[in-house]
Amino acid sequence: MFQIPADIYSAYTSFIEQRGVKARQHRYYVKWLRYYLDFCHKYNVKQTAQVSLAAFTGKLKEKKQAENLRKQAHHAISLFYEMGHLSGYTITQKNEGLFQKAVNFITSFRPVLSPSPEGGISVSVQTAFKTDGIKILEETMNSLERFVDDVDLDVHVALDEFQEITKVHNSIGIEGILT
């Protein structure tokens, strides 16, 4: 079983307490974090909030874990990622090479393109896991709508493979945002 380094354990328990998790629940949150990190290592799943957390909770469901426990596990891991992005904490596997660590660092950011008041586009960078995919899609579509309203040009957007959306988790929500 994966052991959480002492400094991260201490920071995590302090952080979850600040976020309202009662002290009597800390051991369960730490347990879920250990299970999650072990899962990522065992199944060679990249520790990114979106992908690995969904895979982990899917595995818990497959193992017939009760829904309330899956929600607790999801909350515990979400808090870990929130803590990491706020304070710079990360846990990497010991056998991970320098190149892989660099790739993980670089992919933890995403570019953000926004229309500028001058009529151009400004580019910035945000952490990739600040919000979930649905929120990012909503923000993107809202920004696109504002851009189209602000410019005096015809704008056409084409979505290739739109029919593939029906095969994605939460496809109805995604389709609703895009239409």
C-alpha atoms as a PDB file:
ATOM      1  CA  MET A   1       0.000   0.000   0.000  1.00  0.00           C
ATOM      2  CA  PHE A   2       1.252   3.466  -0.891  1.00  0.00           C
ATOM      3  CA  GLN A   3       2.511   5.446   2.108  1.00  0.00           C
ATOM      4  CA  ILE A   4       1.812   9.164   2.140  1.00  0.00           C
ATOM      5  CA  PRO A   5       4.913  11.221   3.039  1.00  0.00           C
ATOM      6  CA  ALA A   6       4.648  12.761   6.526  1.00  0.00           C
ATOM      7  CA  ASP A   7       4.736  16.380   5.347  1.00  0.00           C
ATOM      8  CA  ILE A   8       1.951  15.787   2.825  1.00  0.00           C
ATOM      9  CA  TYR A   9      -0.079  13.805   5.387  1.00  0.00           C
ATOM     10  CA  SER A  10       0.166  16.705   7.821  1.00  0.00           C
ATOM     11  CA  ALA A  11      -0.661  19.323   5.173  1.00  0.00           C
ATOM     12  CA  TYR A  12      -3.586  17.239   3.865  1.00  0.00           C
ATOM     13  CA  THR A  13      -5.197  16.683   7.272  1.00  0.00           C
ATOM     14  CA  SER A  14      -4.847  20.401   8.057  1.00  0.00           C
ATOM     15  CA  PHE A  15      -6.289  21.318   4.669  1.00  0.00           C
ATOM     16  CA  ILE A  16      -9.317  19.023   4.903  1.00  0.00           C
ATOM     17  CA  GLU A  17     -10.022  20.349   8.390  1.00  0.00           C
ATOM     18  CA  GLN A  18      -9.979  23.898   6.998  1.00  0.00           C
ATOM     19  CA  ARG A  19     -12.449  22.716   4.367  1.00  0.00           C
ATOM     20  CA  GLY A  20     -14.878  21.505   7.046  1.00  0.00           C
ATOM     21  CA  VAL A  21     -14.074  17.789   7.276  1.00  0.00           C
ATOM     22  CA  LYS A  22     -14.551  16.737  10.893  1.00  0.00           C
ATOM     23  CA  ALA A  23     -11.495  15.325  12.710  1.00  0.00           C
ATOM     24  CA  ARG A  24     -13.244  11.963  13.221  1.00  0.00           C
ATOM     25  CA  GLN A  25     -13.499  11.632   9.399  1.00  0.00           C
ATOM     26  CA  HIS A  26      -9.821  12.385   8.688  1.00  0.00           C
ATOM     27  CA  ARG A  27      -8.713   8.754   8.864  1.00  0.00           C
ATOM     28  CA  TYR A  28     -11.265   7.822   6.192  1.00  0.00           C
ATOM     29  CA  TYR A  29     -10.141  10.644   3.920  1.00  0.00           C
ATOM     30  CA  VAL A  30      -6.501   9.626   4.368  1.00  0.00           C
ATOM     31  CA  LYS A  31      -7.482   6.003   3.667  1.00  0.00           C
ATOM     32  CA  TRP A  32      -9.171   7.028   0.396  1.00  0.00           C
ATOM     33  CA  LEU A  33      -6.141   9.064  -0.591  1.00  0.00           C
ATOM     34  CA  ARG A  34      -3.848   6.081   0.056  1.00  0.00           C
ATOM     35  CA  TYR A  35      -6.176   3.757  -1.907  1.00  0.00           C
ATOM     36  CA  TYR A  36      -6.289   6.251  -4.747  1.00  0.00           C
ATOM     37  CA  LEU A  37      -2.509   6.653  -4.947  1.00  0.00           C
ATOM     38  CA  ASP A  38      -2.113   2.887  -4.758  1.00  0.00           C
ATOM     39  CA  PHE A  39      -4.694   2.482  -7.537  1.00  0.00           C
ATOM     40  CA  CYS A  40      -2.822   4.936  -9.763  1.00  0.00           C
ATOM     41  CA  HIS A  41       0.439   3.098  -9.167  1.00  0.00           C
ATOM     42  CA  LYS A  42      -1.004  -0.418  -9.549  1.00  0.00           C
ATOM     43  CA  TYR A  43      -2.883   0.316 -12.778  1.00  0.00           C
ATOM     44  CA  ASN A  44      -0.288   2.771 -14.112  1.00  0.00           C
ATOM     45  CA  VAL A  45      -2.891   5.529 -14.290  1.00  0.00           C
ATOM     46  CA  LYS A  46      -1.581   9.070 -14.623  1.00  0.00           C
ATOM     47  CA  GLN A  47      -2.457  11.085 -11.519  1.00  0.00           C
ATOM     48  CA  THR A  48      -4.612  13.749 -13.110  1.00  0.00           C
ATOM     49  CA  ALA A  49      -7.809  14.741 -11.379  1.00  0.00           C
ATOM     50  CA  GLN A  50     -10.131  14.272 -14.346  1.00  0.00           C
ATOM     51  CA  VAL A  51      -8.955  10.974 -15.739  1.00  0.00           C
ATOM     52  CA  SER A  52      -7.654   9.055 -12.750  1.00  0.00           C
ATOM     53  CA  LEU A  53     -10.363  10.151 -10.326  1.00  0.00           C
ATOM     54  CA  ALA A  54     -13.066   8.971 -12.736  1.00  0.00           C
ATOM     55  CA  ALA A  55     -11.229   5.674 -13.210  1.00  0.00           C
ATOM     56  CA  PHE A  56     -10.790   5.270  -9.453  1.00  0.00           C
ATOM     57  CA  THR A  57     -14.444   5.915  -8.624  1.00  0.00           C
ATOM     58  CA  GLY A  58     -15.401   3.584 -11.478  1.00  0.00           C
ATOM     59  CA  LYS A  59     -13.264   0.877  -9.909  1.00  0.00           C
ATOM     60  CA  LEU A  60     -14.945   1.479  -6.541  1.00  0.00           C
ATOM     61  CA  LYS A  61     -18.336   1.084  -8.198  1.00  0.00           C
ATOM     62  CA  GLU A  62     -17.138  -2.091  -9.922  1.00  0.00           C
ATOM     63  CA  LYS A  63     -16.117  -3.429  -6.491  1.00  0.00           C
ATOM     64  CA  LYS A  64     -19.647  -2.670  -5.238  1.00  0.00           C
ATOM     65  CA  GLN A  65     -18.649   0.119  -2.855  1.00  0.00           C
ATOM     66  CA  ALA A  66     -21.689   1.942  -1.485  1.00  0.00           C
ATOM     67  CA  GLU A  67     -22.541   5.232  -3.199  1.00  0.00           C
ATOM     68  CA  ASN A  68     -21.980   7.295  -0.026  1.00  0.00           C
ATOM     69  CA  LEU A  69     -18.459   5.818   0.288  1.00  0.00           C
ATOM     70  CA  ARG A  70     -17.730   6.538  -3.379  1.00  0.00           C
ATOM     71  CA  LYS A  71     -18.846  10.140  -2.822  1.00  0.00           C
ATOM     72  CA  GLN A  72     -16.606  10.374   0.258  1.00  0.00           C
ATOM     73  CA  ALA A  73     -13.672   8.973  -1.747  1.00  0.00           C
ATOM     74  CA  HIS A  74     -14.345  11.421  -4.574  1.00  0.00           C
ATOM     75  CA  HIS A  75     -14.474  14.313  -2.097  1.00  0.00           C
ATOM     76  CA  ALA A  76     -11.233  13.187  -0.417  1.00  0.00           C
ATOM     77  CA  ILE A  77      -9.334  13.047  -3.715  1.00  0.00           C
ATOM     78  CA  SER A  78     -10.859  16.311  -4.968  1.00  0.00           C
ATOM     79  CA  LEU A  79      -9.627  18.029  -1.801  1.00  0.00           C
ATOM     80  CA  PHE A  80      -6.171  16.546  -2.368  1.00  0.00           C
ATOM     81  CA  TYR A  81      -6.051  18.068  -5.852  1.00  0.00           C
ATOM     82  CA  GLU A  82      -7.407  21.372  -4.573  1.00  0.00           C
ATOM     83  CA  MET A  83      -4.718  21.412  -1.888  1.00  0.00           C
ATOM     84  CA  GLY A  84      -2.026  20.546  -4.420  1.00  0.00           C
ATOM     85  CA  HIS A  85      -2.976  23.325  -6.796  1.00  0.00           C
ATOM     86  CA  LEU A  86      -3.220  25.893  -4.029  1.00  0.00           C
ATOM     87  CA  SER A  87       0.042  25.023  -2.330  1.00  0.00           C
ATOM     88  CA  GLY A  88       2.109  23.213  -4.955  1.00  0.00           C
ATOM     89  CA  TYR A  89       1.988  19.754  -3.337  1.00  0.00           C
ATOM     90  CA  THR A  90       2.250  16.773  -5.623  1.00  0.00           C
ATOM     91  CA  ILE A  91       3.024  13.108  -5.136  1.00  0.00           C
ATOM     92  CA  THR A  92       4.951  11.336  -7.844  1.00  0.00           C
ATOM     93  CA  GLN A  93       5.922   7.704  -8.133  1.00  0.00           C
ATOM     94  CA  LYS A  94       9.499   6.942  -7.088  1.00  0.00           C
ATOM     95  CA  ASN A  95      10.250   5.176 -10.383  1.00  0.00           C
ATOM     96  CA  GLU A  96       9.100   8.151 -12.445  1.00  0.00           C
ATOM     97  CA  GLY A  97      11.928   9.606 -14.517  1.00  0.00           C
ATOM     98  CA  LEU A  98      12.856  13.258 -14.824  1.00  0.00           C
ATOM     99  CA  PHE A  99      11.365  13.458 -18.316  1.00  0.00           C
ATOM    100  CA  GLN A 100       8.025  12.058 -17.098  1.00  0.00           C
ATOM    101  CA  LYS A 101       7.997  14.494 -14.168  1.00  0.00           C
ATOM    102  CA  ALA A 102       8.570  17.355 -16.610  1.00  0.00           C
ATOM    103  CA  VAL A 103       5.762  16.115 -18.867  1.00  0.00           C
ATOM    104  CA  ASN A 104       3.421  15.817 -15.866  1.00  0.00           C
ATOM    105  CA  PHE A 105       4.273  19.360 -14.813  1.00  0.00           C
ATOM    106  CA  ILE A 106       3.757  20.827 -18.285  1.00  0.00           C
ATOM    107  CA  THR A 107       0.455  18.984 -18.811  1.00  0.00           C
ATOM    108  CA  SER A 108      -0.873  20.294 -15.503  1.00  0.00           C
ATOM    109  CA  PHE A 109      -1.499  23.617 -17.285  1.00  0.00           C
ATOM    110  CA  ARG A 110      -3.850  24.587 -20.086  1.00  0.00           C
ATOM    111  CA  PRO A 111      -3.857  27.527 -22.446  1.00  0.00           C
ATOM    112  CA  VAL A 112      -6.748  29.977 -22.211  1.00  0.00           C
ATOM    113  CA  LEU A 113      -7.632  32.066 -25.253  1.00  0.00           C
ATOM    114  CA  SER A 114      -9.806  35.121 -24.628  1.00  0.00           C
ATOM    115  CA  PRO A 115     -10.954  37.922 -26.909  1.00  0.00           C
ATOM    116  CA  SER A 116      -9.192  41.158 -26.015  1.00  0.00           C
ATOM    117  CA  PRO A 117     -10.875  44.596 -26.018  1.00  0.00           C
ATOM    118  CA  GLU A 118      -8.701  45.639 -28.963  1.00  0.00           C
ATOM    119  CA  GLY A 119     -10.274  42.951 -31.140  1.00  0.00           C
ATOM    120  CA  GLY A 120      -7.445  40.426 -30.879  1.00  0.00           C
ATOM    121  CA  ILE A 121      -6.973  37.381 -28.734  1.00  0.00           C
ATOM    122  CA  SER A 122      -5.113  37.240 -25.428  1.00  0.00           C
ATOM    123  CA  VAL A 123      -3.436  34.055 -24.292  1.00  0.00           C
ATOM    124  CA  SER A 124      -2.939  33.014 -20.674  1.00  0.00           C
ATOM    125  CA  VAL A 125      -2.268  29.810 -18.774  1.00  0.00           C
ATOM    126  CA  GLN A 126      -4.285  28.214 -15.961  1.00  0.00           C
ATOM    127  CA  THR A 127      -3.918  25.010 -14.016  1.00  0.00           C
ATOM    128  CA  ALA A 128      -5.657  22.252 -15.899  1.00  0.00           C
ATOM    129  CA  PHE A 129      -7.640  20.847 -12.989  1.00  0.00           C
ATOM    130  CA  LYS A 130      -9.022  24.026 -11.564  1.00  0.00           C
ATOM    131  CA  THR A 131     -12.479  23.118 -12.867  1.00  0.00           C
ATOM    132  CA  ASP A 132     -14.031  20.006 -14.307  1.00  0.00           C
ATOM    133  CA  GLY A 133     -14.538  19.407 -18.011  1.00  0.00           C
ATOM    134  CA  ILE A 134     -18.193  20.450 -18.057  1.00  0.00           C
ATOM    135  CA  LYS A 135     -17.366  23.795 -16.435  1.00  0.00           C
ATOM    136  CA  ILE A 136     -14.511  24.339 -18.881  1.00  0.00           C
ATOM    137  CA  LEU A 137     -16.858  23.594 -21.786  1.00  0.00           C
ATOM    138  CA  GLU A 138     -19.471  25.994 -20.390  1.00  0.00           C
ATOM    139  CA  GLU A 139     -16.831  28.721 -19.948  1.00  0.00           C
ATOM    140  CA  THR A 140     -15.557  28.132 -23.483  1.00  0.00           C
ATOM    141  CA  MET A 141     -19.014  28.291 -25.028  1.00  0.00           C
ATOM    142  CA  ASN A 142     -19.912  31.413 -23.009  1.00  0.00           C
ATOM    143  CA  SER A 143     -16.651  33.080 -24.081  1.00  0.00           C
ATOM    144  CA  LEU A 144     -17.308  32.124 -27.692  1.00  0.00           C
ATOM    145  CA  GLU A 145     -20.823  33.588 -27.457  1.00  0.00           C
ATOM    146  CA  ARG A 146     -19.465  36.868 -26.029  1.00  0.00           C
ATOM    147  CA  PHE A 147     -16.824  36.983 -28.759  1.00  0.00           C
ATOM    148  CA  VAL A 148     -19.399  36.436 -31.512  1.00  0.00           C
ATOM    149  CA  ASP A 149     -21.612  39.155 -30.007  1.00  0.00           C
ATOM    150  CA  ASP A 150     -18.680  41.600 -29.834  1.00  0.00           C
ATOM    151  CA  VAL A 151     -17.263  41.193 -33.350  1.00  0.00           C
ATOM    152  CA  ASP A 152     -18.902  42.509 -36.471  1.00  0.00           C
ATOM    153  CA  LEU A 153     -18.136  39.397 -38.503  1.00  0.00           C
ATOM    154  CA  ASP A 154     -19.842  36.129 -39.346  1.00  0.00           C
ATOM    155  CA  VAL A 155     -18.440  33.341 -37.187  1.00  0.00           C
ATOM    156  CA  HIS A 156     -18.838  29.661 -38.064  1.00  0.00           C
ATOM    157  CA  VAL A 157     -17.940  26.838 -35.691  1.00  0.00           C
ATOM    158  CA  ALA A 158     -17.722  23.249 -36.931  1.00  0.00           C
ATOM    159  CA  LEU A 159     -17.643  20.298 -34.562  1.00  0.00           C
ATOM    160  CA  ASP A 160     -16.216  17.220 -36.202  1.00  0.00           C
ATOM    161  CA  GLU A 161     -17.412  13.830 -34.962  1.00  0.00           C
ATOM    162  CA  PHE A 162     -20.331  15.414 -33.078  1.00  0.00           C
ATOM    163  CA  GLN A 163     -22.123  12.049 -33.115  1.00  0.00           C
ATOM    164  CA  GLU A 164     -19.324  10.633 -30.903  1.00  0.00           C
ATOM    165  CA  ILE A 165     -20.545  12.794 -28.007  1.00  0.00           C
ATOM    166  CA  THR A 166     -23.345  10.296 -27.357  1.00  0.00           C
ATOM    167  CA  LYS A 167     -20.707   7.756 -26.293  1.00  0.00           C
ATOM    168  CA  VAL A 168     -19.185  10.067 -23.660  1.00  0.00           C
ATOM    169  CA  HIS A 169     -20.117  10.077 -19.970  1.00  0.00           C
ATOM    170  CA  ASN A 170     -22.674  12.847 -19.283  1.00  0.00           C
ATOM    171  CA  SER A 171     -23.350  13.133 -23.028  1.00  0.00           C
ATOM    172  CA  ILE A 172     -26.741  14.786 -22.533  1.00  0.00           C
ATOM    173  CA  GLY A 173     -25.182  17.584 -20.470  1.00  0.00           C
ATOM    174  CA  ILE A 174     -22.445  18.085 -23.054  1.00  0.00           C
ATOM    175  CA  GLU A 175     -24.908  18.096 -25.919  1.00  0.00           C
ATOM    176  CA  GLY A 176     -27.094  20.610 -24.050  1.00  0.00           C
ATOM    177  CA  ILE A 177     -24.165  22.991 -23.589  1.00  0.00           C
ATOM    178  CA  LEU A 178     -23.140  22.750 -27.239  1.00  0.00           C
ATOM    179  CA  THR A 179     -26.611  23.418 -28.672  1.00  0.00           C
END
